[in-house]
């Protein structure tokens, strides 16, 4: 369905798009902060640190993919 510029539907679509892009940026930023904490502030065995970093990577990828899927559903 085509949305006409200036309509309520158009602005709803644009707001959704911007919110999801911001969500992606926040996910990346939070994941980076957690990674730094795990690498430099978290005192533990190196094997546990590696496992936590792998889990963090998987979790952030999963959340980013979910956000991308939501973005793809918004018509251009």
Protein backbone atom coordinates (compact mmCIF):
# COMPACT_ATOMS: atom_id res chain seq x y z
CA UNK A 1 0.00 0.00 0.00
CA UNK A 2 1.40 3.35 -1.01
CA UNK A 3 1.43 6.05 1.63
CA UNK A 4 1.04 9.63 0.49
CA UNK A 5 3.45 12.26 1.73
CA UNK A 6 2.06 14.35 4.56
CA UNK A 7 -0.67 11.94 5.64
CA UNK A 8 -1.01 10.52 9.13
CA UNK A 9 0.06 7.12 7.80
CA UNK A 10 3.17 8.65 6.22
CA UNK A 11 4.29 10.24 9.48
CA UNK A 12 3.53 7.09 11.46
CA UNK A 13 5.71 5.15 9.02
CA UNK A 14 8.55 7.67 9.27
CA UNK A 15 8.41 7.72 13.07
CA UNK A 16 8.51 3.91 13.20
CA UNK A 17 11.50 3.87 10.85
CA UNK A 18 13.43 6.41 12.96
CA UNK A 19 12.58 4.67 16.23
CA UNK A 20 13.83 1.34 14.90
CA UNK A 21 17.05 2.91 13.60
CA UNK A 22 17.62 4.48 17.01
CA UNK A 23 16.90 1.10 18.60
CA UNK A 24 19.63 -0.46 16.46
CA UNK A 25 22.09 2.26 17.47
CA UNK A 26 21.28 1.71 21.14
CA UNK A 27 21.70 -2.06 20.84
CA UNK A 28 25.14 -1.57 19.29
CA UNK A 29 26.16 0.98 21.91
CA UNK A 30 24.99 -1.15 24.83
CA UNK A 31 26.70 -4.25 23.42
CA UNK A 32 29.95 -2.31 22.99
CA UNK A 33 29.78 -1.07 26.59
CA UNK A 34 29.12 -4.57 27.90
CA UNK A 35 31.99 -5.93 25.83
CA UNK A 36 34.38 -3.36 27.29
CA UNK A 37 33.19 -4.21 30.80
CA UNK A 38 33.70 -7.90 30.18
CA UNK A 39 37.16 -7.35 28.73
CA UNK A 40 38.54 -4.88 31.24
CA UNK A 41 36.41 -4.72 34.42
CA UNK A 42 35.02 -8.19 34.97
CA UNK A 43 37.33 -10.36 37.06
CA UNK A 44 36.92 -14.01 36.15
CA UNK A 45 38.57 -16.99 34.53
CA UNK A 46 39.50 -16.38 30.89
CA UNK A 47 37.31 -19.25 29.67
CA UNK A 48 34.26 -17.69 31.33
CA UNK A 49 35.14 -14.30 29.83
CA UNK A 50 35.34 -15.82 26.33
CA UNK A 51 32.01 -17.59 26.80
CA UNK A 52 30.36 -14.39 28.01
CA UNK A 53 31.75 -12.45 25.04
CA UNK A 54 30.45 -15.08 22.63
CA UNK A 55 27.03 -15.03 24.28
CA UNK A 56 26.95 -11.24 24.16
CA UNK A 57 27.80 -11.32 20.47
CA UNK A 58 25.04 -13.83 19.74
CA UNK A 59 22.49 -11.88 21.77
CA UNK A 60 23.28 -8.56 20.10
CA UNK A 61 23.19 -10.14 16.62
CA UNK A 62 19.82 -11.69 17.40
CA UNK A 63 18.40 -8.36 18.56
CA UNK A 64 19.82 -6.51 15.55
CA UNK A 65 18.34 -9.08 13.17
CA UNK A 66 14.95 -8.74 14.82
CA UNK A 67 15.14 -4.97 14.44
CA UNK A 68 16.18 -5.32 10.79
CA UNK A 69 13.17 -7.55 10.16
CA UNK A 70 10.89 -4.90 11.65
CA UNK A 71 12.51 -2.26 9.44
CA UNK A 72 12.02 -4.40 6.34
CA UNK A 73 8.30 -4.56 7.02
CA UNK A 74 8.00 -0.78 6.79
CA UNK A 75 7.31 0.18 3.17
CA UNK A 76 9.66 2.69 1.57
